[in-house]
Amino acid sequence: MEAEEYVVTDQEAVDALAVKNRSWDHLFGAPLPFSFQCQKYFPWGFVDLQLQTEKGIIQAAKLYTDAMDWSLSEKTEAALTGCKFKQADMITALYKTLPEQQATDIAALLSEHL
């Protein structure tokens, strides 16, 4: 069977579909909940980050660490809870909340695993 050439007659509809299929909502906004976990040792302490998501939004975040900064877990959890499960959004939230070194290291950890 020979392939037939398909001529696009409604380029606007094709472009709209392409935009929809590339959108964050389409790619990550699926209704199925999922969990994400990553861990690493840093010079300032061990980090075990766990995220529970639903519809692409982080519903719960938990950071286990042996870092000397006792507030690191609480700050990280508050920063990420309610955030889209989108690398750029999570990293922005970390930099707004954490000291620069911890934000940089945890952002790199997320980048390694996403």
PDB file of N, CA and C in Angstrom:
ATOM      1  N   MET A   1       0.839  -1.164   0.000  1.00  0.00           N
ATOM      2  CA  MET A   1       0.000   0.000   0.000  1.00  0.00           C
ATOM      3  C   MET A   1       0.893   1.239   0.000  1.00  0.00           C
ATOM      4  N   GLU A   2       0.592   2.167  -0.856  1.00  0.00           N
ATOM      5  CA  GLU A   2       1.359   3.402  -0.949  1.00  0.00           C
ATOM      6  C   GLU A   2       0.802   4.435   0.010  1.00  0.00           C
ATOM      7  N   ALA A   3       1.700   5.225   0.553  1.00  0.00           N
ATOM      8  CA  ALA A   3       1.275   6.304   1.445  1.00  0.00           C
ATOM      9  C   ALA A   3       0.725   7.457   0.624  1.00  0.00           C
ATOM     10  N   GLU A   4      -0.315   8.058   1.146  1.00  0.00           N
ATOM     11  CA  GLU A   4      -0.899   9.216   0.482  1.00  0.00           C
ATOM     12  C   GLU A   4      -0.412  10.486   1.171  1.00  0.00           C
ATOM     13  N   GLU A   5      -0.192  11.501   0.394  1.00  0.00           N
ATOM     14  CA  GLU A   5       0.214  12.776   0.956  1.00  0.00           C
ATOM     15  C   GLU A   5      -0.997  13.417   1.636  1.00  0.00           C
ATOM     16  N   TYR A   6      -0.750  13.935   2.841  1.00  0.00           N
ATOM     17  CA  TYR A   6      -1.819  14.622   3.571  1.00  0.00           C
ATOM     18  C   TYR A   6      -1.524  16.110   3.522  1.00  0.00           C
ATOM     19  N   VAL A   7      -2.444  16.857   3.070  1.00  0.00           N
ATOM     20  CA  VAL A   7      -2.294  18.302   2.977  1.00  0.00           C
ATOM     21  C   VAL A   7      -3.041  18.947   4.136  1.00  0.00           C
ATOM     22  N   VAL A   8      -2.316  19.731   4.914  1.00  0.00           N
ATOM     23  CA  VAL A   8      -2.927  20.420   6.046  1.00  0.00           C
ATOM     24  C   VAL A   8      -3.775  21.564   5.513  1.00  0.00           C
ATOM     25  N   THR A   9      -5.039  21.532   5.872  1.00  0.00           N
ATOM     26  CA  THR A   9      -5.939  22.580   5.392  1.00  0.00           C
ATOM     27  C   THR A   9      -6.261  23.598   6.481  1.00  0.00           C
ATOM     28  N   ASP A  10      -6.011  23.250   7.737  1.00  0.00           N
ATOM     29  CA  ASP A  10      -6.311  24.158   8.836  1.00  0.00           C
ATOM     30  C   ASP A  10      -5.070  24.270   9.724  1.00  0.00           C
ATOM     31  N   GLN A  11      -4.099  25.054   9.276  1.00  0.00           N
ATOM     32  CA  GLN A  11      -2.836  25.201  10.009  1.00  0.00           C
ATOM     33  C   GLN A  11      -3.067  25.769  11.404  1.00  0.00           C
ATOM     34  N   GLU A  12      -4.049  26.612  11.555  1.00  0.00           N
ATOM     35  CA  GLU A  12      -4.355  27.200  12.857  1.00  0.00           C
ATOM     36  C   GLU A  12      -4.750  26.114  13.862  1.00  0.00           C
ATOM     37  N   ALA A  13      -5.541  25.156  13.442  1.00  0.00           N
ATOM     38  CA  ALA A  13      -5.949  24.060  14.323  1.00  0.00           C
ATOM     39  C   ALA A  13      -4.761  23.178  14.682  1.00  0.00           C
ATOM     40  N   VAL A  14      -3.888  22.940  13.732  1.00  0.00           N
ATOM     41  CA  VAL A  14      -2.684  22.136  13.989  1.00  0.00           C
ATOM     42  C   VAL A  14      -1.784  22.854  14.986  1.00  0.00           C
ATOM     43  N   ASP A  15      -1.599  24.149  14.811  1.00  0.00           N
ATOM     44  CA  ASP A  15      -0.775  24.930  15.735  1.00  0.00           C
ATOM     45  C   ASP A  15      -1.362  24.934  17.139  1.00  0.00           C
ATOM     46  N   ALA A  16      -2.670  25.064  17.245  1.00  0.00           N
ATOM     47  CA  ALA A  16      -3.340  25.050  18.549  1.00  0.00           C
ATOM     48  C   ALA A  16      -3.163  23.701  19.239  1.00  0.00           C
ATOM     49  N   LEU A  17      -3.262  22.632  18.477  1.00  0.00           N
ATOM     50  CA  LEU A  17      -3.071  21.292  19.035  1.00  0.00           C
ATOM     51  C   LEU A  17      -1.631  21.104  19.500  1.00  0.00           C
ATOM     52  N   ALA A  18      -0.680  21.607  18.729  1.00  0.00           N
ATOM     53  CA  ALA A  18       0.738  21.507  19.112  1.00  0.00           C
ATOM     54  C   ALA A  18       0.993  22.264  20.413  1.00  0.00           C
ATOM     55  N   VAL A  19       0.436  23.447  20.557  1.00  0.00           N
ATOM     56  CA  VAL A  19       0.595  24.224  21.788  1.00  0.00           C
ATOM     57  C   VAL A  19      -0.009  23.464  22.965  1.00  0.00           C
ATOM     58  N   LYS A  20      -1.194  22.911  22.789  1.00  0.00           N
ATOM     59  CA  LYS A  20      -1.847  22.148  23.856  1.00  0.00           C
ATOM     60  C   LYS A  20      -0.997  20.946  24.261  1.00  0.00           C
ATOM     61  N   ASN A  21      -0.480  20.207  23.292  1.00  0.00           N
ATOM     62  CA  ASN A  21       0.283  18.995  23.580  1.00  0.00           C
ATOM     63  C   ASN A  21       1.653  19.280  24.199  1.00  0.00           C
ATOM     64  N   ARG A  22       2.158  20.499  24.063  1.00  0.00           N
ATOM     65  CA  ARG A  22       3.430  20.877  24.690  1.00  0.00           C
ATOM     66  C   ARG A  22       3.226  21.508  26.058  1.00  0.00           C
ATOM     67  N   SER A  23       1.997  21.777  26.438  1.00  0.00           N
ATOM     68  CA  SER A  23       1.728  22.510  27.670  1.00  0.00           C
ATOM     69  C   SER A  23       2.035  21.662  28.909  1.00  0.00           C
ATOM     70  N   TRP A  24       2.346  22.369  29.994  1.00  0.00           N
ATOM     71  CA  TRP A  24       2.616  21.701  31.258  1.00  0.00           C
ATOM     72  C   TRP A  24       1.389  20.906  31.707  1.00  0.00           C
ATOM     73  N   ASP A  25       0.206  21.499  31.581  1.00  0.00           N
ATOM     74  CA  ASP A  25      -1.018  20.808  32.003  1.00  0.00           C
ATOM     75  C   ASP A  25      -1.205  19.484  31.276  1.00  0.00           C
ATOM     76  N   HIS A  26      -0.926  19.474  29.989  1.00  0.00           N
ATOM     77  CA  HIS A  26      -1.091  18.243  29.212  1.00  0.00           C
ATOM     78  C   HIS A  26      -0.024  17.205  29.579  1.00  0.00           C
ATOM     79  N   LEU A  27       1.213  17.653  29.747  1.00  0.00           N
ATOM     80  CA  LEU A  27       2.309  16.713  30.011  1.00  0.00           C
ATOM     81  C   LEU A  27       2.356  16.223  31.452  1.00  0.00           C
ATOM     82  N   PHE A  28       2.083  17.112  32.418  1.00  0.00           N
ATOM     83  CA  PHE A  28       2.266  16.751  33.819  1.00  0.00           C
ATOM     84  C   PHE A  28       1.011  16.870  34.661  1.00  0.00           C
ATOM     85  N   GLY A  29      -0.034  17.432  34.129  1.00  0.00           N
ATOM     86  CA  GLY A  29      -1.239  17.649  34.908  1.00  0.00           C
ATOM     87  C   GLY A  29      -2.170  16.451  34.925  1.00  0.00           C
ATOM     88  N   ALA A  30      -1.619  15.269  34.708  1.00  0.00           N
ATOM     89  CA  ALA A  30      -2.418  14.046  34.706  1.00  0.00           C
ATOM     90  C   ALA A  30      -3.068  13.850  36.073  1.00  0.00           C
ATOM     91  N   PRO A  31      -4.268  13.280  36.116  1.00  0.00           N
ATOM     92  CA  PRO A  31      -4.967  13.128  37.378  1.00  0.00           C
ATOM     93  C   PRO A  31      -4.382  12.055  38.299  1.00  0.00           C
ATOM     94  N   LEU A  32      -3.470  11.241  37.818  1.00  0.00           N
ATOM     95  CA  LEU A  32      -2.923  10.188  38.667  1.00  0.00           C
ATOM     96  C   LEU A  32      -1.902  10.750  39.650  1.00  0.00           C
ATOM     97  N   PRO A  33      -2.056  10.460  40.926  1.00  0.00           N
ATOM     98  CA  PRO A  33      -1.052  10.901  41.897  1.00  0.00           C
ATOM     99  C   PRO A  33       0.216  10.064  41.763  1.00  0.00           C
ATOM    100  N   PHE A  34       1.349  10.653  42.122  1.00  0.00           N
ATOM    101  CA  PHE A  34       2.596   9.904  42.128  1.00  0.00           C
ATOM    102  C   PHE A  34       3.525  10.481  43.173  1.00  0.00           C
ATOM    103  N   SER A  35       4.536   9.712  43.503  1.00  0.00           N
ATOM    104  CA  SER A  35       5.521  10.190  44.467  1.00  0.00           C
ATOM    105  C   SER A  35       6.887  10.226  43.805  1.00  0.00           C
ATOM    106  N   PHE A  36       7.747  11.057  44.362  1.00  0.00           N
ATOM    107  CA  PHE A  36       9.084  11.272  43.844  1.00  0.00           C
ATOM    108  C   PHE A  36      10.026  11.310  45.035  1.00  0.00           C
ATOM    109  N   GLN A  37      11.183  10.684  44.894  1.00  0.00           N
ATOM    110  CA  GLN A  37      12.154  10.692  45.981  1.00  0.00           C
ATOM    111  C   GLN A  37      13.552  10.758  45.403  1.00  0.00           C
ATOM    112  N   CYS A  38      14.411  11.560  46.046  1.00  0.00           N
ATOM    113  CA  CYS A  38      15.831  11.603  45.682  1.00  0.00           C
ATOM    114  C   CYS A  38      16.624  11.909  46.944  1.00  0.00           C
ATOM    115  N   GLN A  39      17.868  11.487  46.941  1.00  0.00           N
ATOM    116  CA  GLN A  39      18.706  11.706  48.112  1.00  0.00           C
ATOM    117  C   GLN A  39      20.161  11.845  47.710  1.00  0.00           C
ATOM    118  N   LYS A  40      20.920  12.537  48.580  1.00  0.00           N
ATOM    119  CA  LYS A  40      22.327  12.762  48.297  1.00  0.00           C
ATOM    120  C   LYS A  40      23.029  13.285  49.546  1.00  0.00           C
ATOM    121  N   TYR A  41      24.318  13.002  49.639  1.00  0.00           N
ATOM    122  CA  TYR A  41      25.158  13.561  50.689  1.00  0.00           C
ATOM    123  C   TYR A  41      25.818  14.831  50.164  1.00  0.00           C
ATOM    124  N   PHE A  42      25.733  15.901  50.932  1.00  0.00           N
ATOM    125  CA  PHE A  42      26.400  17.166  50.635  1.00  0.00           C
ATOM    126  C   PHE A  42      27.397  17.448  51.752  1.00  0.00           C
ATOM    127  N   PRO A  43      28.353  18.335  51.538  1.00  0.00           N
ATOM    128  CA  PRO A  43      29.302  18.662  52.615  1.00  0.00           C
ATOM    129  C   PRO A  43      28.598  19.162  53.891  1.00  0.00           C
ATOM    130  N   TRP A  44      27.447  19.768  53.750  1.00  0.00           N
ATOM    131  CA  TRP A  44      26.727  20.310  54.901  1.00  0.00           C
ATOM    132  C   TRP A  44      25.712  19.324  55.480  1.00  0.00           C
ATOM    133  N   GLY A  45      25.497  18.149  54.823  1.00  0.00           N
ATOM    134  CA  GLY A  45      24.588  17.157  55.387  1.00  0.00           C
ATOM    135  C   GLY A  45      23.915  16.283  54.345  1.00  0.00           C
ATOM    136  N   PHE A  46      23.305  15.212  54.822  1.00  0.00           N
ATOM    137  CA  PHE A  46      22.566  14.279  53.986  1.00  0.00           C
ATOM    138  C   PHE A  46      21.164  14.836  53.758  1.00  0.00           C
ATOM    139  N   VAL A  47      20.622  14.593  52.540  1.00  0.00           N
ATOM    140  CA  VAL A  47      19.273  15.043  52.197  1.00  0.00           C
ATOM    141  C   VAL A  47      18.509  13.876  51.573  1.00  0.00           C
ATOM    142  N   ASP A  48      17.304  13.656  52.075  1.00  0.00           N
ATOM    143  CA  ASP A  48      16.360  12.713  51.481  1.00  0.00           C
ATOM    144  C   ASP A  48      15.081  13.504  51.254  1.00  0.00           C
ATOM    145  N   LEU A  49      14.800  13.827  49.988  1.00  0.00           N
ATOM    146  CA  LEU A  49      13.638  14.635  49.631  1.00  0.00           C
ATOM    147  C   LEU A  49      12.555  13.742  49.062  1.00  0.00           C
ATOM    148  N   GLN A  50      11.361  13.839  49.626  1.00  0.00           N
ATOM    149  CA  GLN A  50      10.219  13.049  49.169  1.00  0.00           C
ATOM    150  C   GLN A  50       9.068  13.994  48.849  1.00  0.00           C
ATOM    151  N   LEU A  51       8.457  13.781  47.677  1.00  0.00           N
ATOM    152  CA  LEU A  51       7.354  14.621  47.240  1.00  0.00           C
ATOM    153  C   LEU A  51       6.171  13.749  46.859  1.00  0.00           C
ATOM    154  N   GLN A  52       4.986  14.169  47.256  1.00  0.00           N
ATOM    155  CA  GLN A  52       3.747  13.497  46.874  1.00  0.00           C
ATOM    156  C   GLN A  52       2.968  14.475  46.014  1.00  0.00           C
ATOM    157  N   THR A  53       2.629  14.064  44.806  1.00  0.00           N
ATOM    158  CA  THR A  53       1.945  14.974  43.890  1.00  0.00           C
ATOM    159  C   THR A  53       0.583  14.423  43.474  1.00  0.00           C
ATOM    160  N   GLU A  54      -0.273  15.349  43.117  1.00  0.00           N
ATOM    161  CA  GLU A  54      -1.564  14.996  42.545  1.00  0.00           C
ATOM    162  C   GLU A  54      -1.919  16.079  41.532  1.00  0.00           C
ATOM    163  N   LYS A  55      -2.295  15.652  40.342  1.00  0.00           N
ATOM    164  CA  LYS A  55      -2.602  16.563  39.241  1.00  0.00           C
ATOM    165  C   LYS A  55      -1.456  17.530  38.972  1.00  0.00           C
ATOM    166  N   GLY A  56      -0.230  17.044  39.156  1.00  0.00           N
ATOM    167  CA  GLY A  56       0.950  17.839  38.842  1.00  0.00           C
ATOM    168  C   GLY A  56       1.328  18.877  39.877  1.00  0.00           C
ATOM    169  N   ILE A  57       0.647  18.876  41.018  1.00  0.00           N
ATOM    170  CA  ILE A  57       0.927  19.836  42.088  1.00  0.00           C
ATOM    171  C   ILE A  57       1.464  19.066  43.293  1.00  0.00           C
ATOM    172  N   ILE A  58       2.515  19.586  43.900  1.00  0.00           N
ATOM    173  CA  ILE A  58       3.087  18.937  45.083  1.00  0.00           C
ATOM    174  C   ILE A  58       2.132  19.154  46.254  1.00  0.00           C
ATOM    175  N   GLN A  59       1.545  18.066  46.714  1.00  0.00           N
ATOM    176  CA  GLN A  59       0.581  18.107  47.826  1.00  0.00           C
ATOM    177  C   GLN A  59       1.290  18.034  49.175  1.00  0.00           C
ATOM    178  N   ALA A  60       2.409  17.310  49.209  1.00  0.00           N
ATOM    179  CA  ALA A  60       3.169  17.162  50.450  1.00  0.00           C
ATOM    180  C   ALA A  60       4.640  17.007  50.106  1.00  0.00           C
ATOM    181  N   ALA A  61       5.470  17.647  50.897  1.00  0.00           N
ATOM    182  CA  ALA A  61       6.920  17.544  50.734  1.00  0.00           C
ATOM    183  C   ALA A  61       7.509  17.200  52.092  1.00  0.00           C
ATOM    184  N   LYS A  62       8.498  16.333  52.075  1.00  0.00           N
ATOM    185  CA  LYS A  62       9.174  15.953  53.313  1.00  0.00           C
ATOM    186  C   LYS A  62      10.663  15.928  53.030  1.00  0.00           C
ATOM    187  N   LEU A  63      11.431  16.595  53.866  1.00  0.00           N
ATOM    188  CA  LEU A  63      12.889  16.605  53.740  1.00  0.00           C
ATOM    189  C   LEU A  63      13.481  16.045  55.019  1.00  0.00           C
ATOM    190  N   TYR A  64      14.176  14.935  54.882  1.00  0.00           N
ATOM    191  CA  TYR A  64      14.898  14.349  56.005  1.00  0.00           C
ATOM    192  C   TYR A  64      16.358  14.731  55.829  1.00  0.00           C
ATOM    193  N   THR A  65      16.964  15.255  56.874  1.00  0.00           N
ATOM    194  CA  THR A  65      18.351  15.694  56.777  1.00  0.00           C
ATOM    195  C   THR A  65      19.030  15.637  58.140  1.00  0.00           C
ATOM    196  N   ASP A  66      20.350  15.508  58.094  1.00  0.00           N
ATOM    197  CA  ASP A  66      21.130  15.591  59.321  1.00  0.00           C
ATOM    198  C   ASP A  66      21.927  16.902  59.359  1.00  0.00           C
ATOM    199  N   ALA A  67      21.512  17.868  58.549  1.00  0.00           N
ATOM    200  CA  ALA A  67      22.173  19.167  58.507  1.00  0.00           C
ATOM    201  C   ALA A  67      22.039  19.869  59.857  1.00  0.00           C
ATOM    202  N   MET A  68      22.999  20.707  60.168  1.00  0.00           N
ATOM    203  CA  MET A  68      22.977  21.438  61.435  1.00  0.00           C
ATOM    204  C   MET A  68      21.882  22.505  61.464  1.00  0.00           C
ATOM    205  N   ASP A  69      21.428  22.948  60.308  1.00  0.00           N
ATOM    206  CA  ASP A  69      20.344  23.938  60.240  1.00  0.00           C
ATOM    207  C   ASP A  69      19.031  23.228  60.517  1.00  0.00           C
ATOM    208  N   TRP A  70      18.532  23.375  61.725  1.00  0.00           N
ATOM    209  CA  TRP A  70      17.317  22.671  62.144  1.00  0.00           C
ATOM    210  C   TRP A  70      16.080  23.129  61.381  1.00  0.00           C
ATOM    211  N   SER A  71      16.130  24.322  60.763  1.00  0.00           N
ATOM    212  CA  SER A  71      14.957  24.833  60.060  1.00  0.00           C
ATOM    213  C   SER A  71      14.928  24.445  58.574  1.00  0.00           C
ATOM    214  N   LEU A  72      15.961  23.790  58.090  1.00  0.00           N
ATOM    215  CA  LEU A  72      16.060  23.459  56.667  1.00  0.00           C
ATOM    216  C   LEU A  72      14.885  22.603  56.194  1.00  0.00           C
ATOM    217  N   SER A  73      14.532  21.597  56.967  1.00  0.00           N
ATOM    218  CA  SER A  73      13.415  20.720  56.580  1.00  0.00           C
ATOM    219  C   SER A  73      12.124  21.507  56.469  1.00  0.00           C
ATOM    220  N   GLU A  74      11.820  22.271  57.495  1.00  0.00           N
ATOM    221  CA  GLU A  74      10.578  23.034  57.528  1.00  0.00           C
ATOM    222  C   GLU A  74      10.511  24.046  56.383  1.00  0.00           C
ATOM    223  N   LYS A  75      11.598  24.751  56.127  1.00  0.00           N
ATOM    224  CA  LYS A  75      11.634  25.741  55.052  1.00  0.00           C
ATOM    225  C   LYS A  75      11.458  25.089  53.676  1.00  0.00           C
ATOM    226  N   THR A  76      12.139  23.969  53.465  1.00  0.00           N
ATOM    227  CA  THR A  76      12.057  23.275  52.180  1.00  0.00           C
ATOM    228  C   THR A  76      10.651  22.738  51.944  1.00  0.00           C
ATOM    229  N   GLU A  77      10.082  22.124  52.954  1.00  0.00           N
ATOM    230  CA  GLU A  77       8.729  21.566  52.842  1.00  0.00           C
ATOM    231  C   GLU A  77       7.707  22.663  52.543  1.00  0.00           C
ATOM    232  N   ALA A  78       7.825  23.796  53.221  1.00  0.00           N
ATOM    233  CA  ALA A  78       6.906  24.909  52.989  1.00  0.00           C
ATOM    234  C   ALA A  78       7.073  25.487  51.583  1.00  0.00           C
ATOM    235  N   ALA A  79       8.314  25.565  51.124  1.00  0.00           N
ATOM    236  CA  ALA A  79       8.588  26.130  49.798  1.00  0.00           C
ATOM    237  C   ALA A  79       8.005  25.264  48.684  1.00  0.00           C
ATOM    238  N   LEU A  80       8.086  23.948  48.831  1.00  0.00           N
ATOM    239  CA  LEU A  80       7.689  23.054  47.747  1.00  0.00           C
ATOM    240  C   LEU A  80       6.218  22.647  47.776  1.00  0.00           C
ATOM    241  N   THR A  81       5.601  22.634  48.935  1.00  0.00           N
ATOM    242  CA  THR A  81       4.194  22.248  49.029  1.00  0.00           C
ATOM    243  C   THR A  81       3.338  23.291  48.306  1.00  0.00           C
ATOM    244  N   GLY A  82       2.514  22.814  47.385  1.00  0.00           N
ATOM    245  CA  GLY A  82       1.661  23.689  46.590  1.00  0.00           C
ATOM    246  C   GLY A  82       2.289  24.129  45.276  1.00  0.00           C
ATOM    247  N   CYS A  83       3.537  23.804  45.084  1.00  0.00           N
ATOM    248  CA  CYS A  83       4.277  24.170  43.874  1.00  0.00           C
ATOM    249  C   CYS A  83       3.966  23.167  42.755  1.00  0.00           C
ATOM    250  N   LYS A  84       3.995  23.638  41.513  1.00  0.00           N
ATOM    251  CA  LYS A  84       3.863  22.710  40.393  1.00  0.00           C
ATOM    252  C   LYS A  84       5.076  21.787  40.378  1.00  0.00           C
ATOM    253  N   PHE A  85       4.863  20.533  39.989  1.00  0.00           N
ATOM    254  CA  PHE A  85       5.974  19.594  39.834  1.00  0.00           C
ATOM    255  C   PHE A  85       6.650  19.912  38.502  1.00  0.00           C
ATOM    256  N   LYS A  86       7.321  21.046  38.507  1.00  0.00           N
ATOM    257  CA  LYS A  86       7.997  21.570  37.337  1.00  0.00           C
ATOM    258  C   LYS A  86       9.345  22.073  37.825  1.00  0.00           C
ATOM    259  N   GLN A  87      10.416  21.614  37.217  1.00  0.00           N
ATOM    260  CA  GLN A  87      11.755  21.899  37.692  1.00  0.00           C
ATOM    261  C   GLN A  87      11.976  23.390  37.949  1.00  0.00           C
ATOM    262  N   ALA A  88      11.653  24.227  36.999  1.00  0.00           N
ATOM    263  CA  ALA A  88      11.901  25.668  37.150  1.00  0.00           C
ATOM    264  C   ALA A  88      11.124  26.243  38.331  1.00  0.00           C
ATOM    265  N   ASP A  89       9.879  25.823  38.504  1.00  0.00           N
ATOM    266  CA  ASP A  89       9.067  26.338  39.609  1.00  0.00           C
ATOM    267  C   ASP A  89       9.616  25.888  40.957  1.00  0.00           C
ATOM    268  N   MET A  90      10.043  24.632  41.046  1.00  0.00           N
ATOM    269  CA  MET A  90      10.577  24.126  42.307  1.00  0.00           C
ATOM    270  C   MET A  90      11.889  24.826  42.661  1.00  0.00           C
ATOM    271  N   ILE A  91      12.749  25.018  41.684  1.00  0.00           N
ATOM    272  CA  ILE A  91      14.034  25.672  41.932  1.00  0.00           C
ATOM    273  C   ILE A  91      13.821  27.124  42.342  1.00  0.00           C
ATOM    274  N   THR A  92      12.916  27.816  41.687  1.00  0.00           N
ATOM    275  CA  THR A  92      12.608  29.195  42.067  1.00  0.00           C
ATOM    276  C   THR A  92      12.135  29.257  43.513  1.00  0.00           C
ATOM    277  N   ALA A  93      11.256  28.335  43.893  1.00  0.00           N
ATOM    278  CA  ALA A  93      10.748  28.301  45.269  1.00  0.00           C
ATOM    279  C   ALA A  93      11.874  28.058  46.270  1.00  0.00           C
ATOM    280  N   LEU A  94      12.816  27.190  45.925  1.00  0.00           N
ATOM    281  CA  LEU A  94      13.937  26.909  46.826  1.00  0.00           C
ATOM    282  C   LEU A  94      14.813  28.147  47.015  1.00  0.00           C
ATOM    283  N   TYR A  95      15.128  28.838  45.922  1.00  0.00           N
ATOM    284  CA  TYR A  95      15.981  30.023  46.018  1.00  0.00           C
ATOM    285  C   TYR A  95      15.312  31.165  46.778  1.00  0.00           C
ATOM    286  N   LYS A  96      13.991  31.222  46.752  1.00  0.00           N
ATOM    287  CA  LYS A  96      13.280  32.263  47.500  1.00  0.00           C
ATOM    288  C   LYS A  96      13.293  31.986  48.999  1.00  0.00           C
ATOM    289  N   THR A  97      13.515  30.730  49.380  1.00  0.00           N
ATOM    290  CA  THR A  97      13.309  30.325  50.764  1.00  0.00           C
ATOM    291  C   THR A  97      14.580  29.915  51.501  1.00  0.00           C
ATOM    292  N   LEU A  98      15.482  29.232  50.820  1.00  0.00           N
ATOM    293  CA  LEU A  98      16.638  28.635  51.491  1.00  0.00           C
ATOM    294  C   LEU A  98      17.893  29.487  51.353  1.00  0.00           C
ATOM    295  N   PRO A  99      18.863  29.248  52.239  1.00  0.00           N
ATOM    296  CA  PRO A  99      20.177  29.866  52.042  1.00  0.00           C
ATOM    297  C   PRO A  99      20.748  29.421  50.683  1.00  0.00           C
ATOM    298  N   GLU A 100      21.571  30.256  50.084  1.00  0.00           N
ATOM    299  CA  GLU A 100      22.020  30.026  48.712  1.00  0.00           C
ATOM    300  C   GLU A 100      22.687  28.660  48.514  1.00  0.00           C
ATOM    301  N   GLN A 101      23.568  28.247  49.413  1.00  0.00           N
ATOM    302  CA  GLN A 101      24.276  26.976  49.217  1.00  0.00           C
ATOM    303  C   GLN A 101      23.315  25.791  49.226  1.00  0.00           C
ATOM    304  N   GLN A 102      22.401  25.763  50.179  1.00  0.00           N
ATOM    305  CA  GLN A 102      21.439  24.669  50.240  1.00  0.00           C
ATOM    306  C   GLN A 102      20.496  24.703  49.032  1.00  0.00           C
ATOM    307  N   ALA A 103      20.056  25.894  48.649  1.00  0.00           N
ATOM    308  CA  ALA A 103      19.181  26.017  47.478  1.00  0.00           C
ATOM    309  C   ALA A 103      19.896  25.514  46.226  1.00  0.00           C
ATOM    310  N   THR A 104      21.153  25.901  46.061  1.00  0.00           N
ATOM    311  CA  THR A 104      21.934  25.471  44.894  1.00  0.00           C
ATOM    312  C   THR A 104      22.096  23.960  44.875  1.00  0.00           C
ATOM    313  N   ASP A 105      22.442  23.382  46.024  1.00  0.00           N
ATOM    314  CA  ASP A 105      22.666  21.934  46.083  1.00  0.00           C
ATOM    315  C   ASP A 105      21.372  21.135  45.867  1.00  0.00           C
ATOM    316  N   ILE A 106      20.296  21.553  46.500  1.00  0.00           N
ATOM    317  CA  ILE A 106      19.033  20.819  46.349  1.00  0.00           C
ATOM    318  C   ILE A 106      18.501  21.014  44.934  1.00  0.00           C
ATOM    319  N   ALA A 107      18.673  22.192  44.355  1.00  0.00           N
ATOM    320  CA  ALA A 107      18.271  22.430  42.972  1.00  0.00           C
ATOM    321  C   ALA A 107      19.048  21.516  42.018  1.00  0.00           C
ATOM    322  N   ALA A 108      20.337  21.353  42.272  1.00  0.00           N
ATOM    323  CA  ALA A 108      21.158  20.453  41.441  1.00  0.00           C
ATOM    324  C   ALA A 108      20.691  19.013  41.598  1.00  0.00           C
ATOM    325  N   LEU A 109      20.332  18.629  42.812  1.00  0.00           N
ATOM    326  CA  LEU A 109      19.806  17.282  43.063  1.00  0.00           C
ATOM    327  C   LEU A 109      18.528  17.044  42.271  1.00  0.00           C
ATOM    328  N   LEU A 110      17.618  18.019  42.307  1.00  0.00           N
ATOM    329  CA  LEU A 110      16.388  17.890  41.523  1.00  0.00           C
ATOM    330  C   LEU A 110      16.697  17.799  40.030  1.00  0.00           C
ATOM    331  N   SER A 111      17.624  18.619  39.570  1.00  0.00           N
ATOM    332  CA  SER A 111      17.995  18.612  38.154  1.00  0.00           C
ATOM    333  C   SER A 111      18.555  17.261  37.718  1.00  0.00           C
ATOM    334  N   GLU A 112      19.294  16.611  38.607  1.00  0.00           N
ATOM    335  CA  GLU A 112      19.861  15.286  38.303  1.00  0.00           C
ATOM    336  C   GLU A 112      18.776  14.227  38.124  1.00  0.00           C
ATOM    337  N   HIS A 113      17.662  14.392  38.827  1.00  0.00           N
ATOM    338  CA  HIS A 113      16.648  13.339  38.871  1.00  0.00           C
ATOM    339  C   HIS A 113      15.374  13.643  38.084  1.00  0.00           C
ATOM    340  N   LEU A 114      15.267  14.833  37.533  1.00  0.00           N
ATOM    341  CA  LEU A 114      14.070  15.176  36.756  1.00  0.00           C
ATOM    342  C   LEU A 114      14.377  15.146  35.282  1.00  0.00           C
TER     343      LEU A 114
END
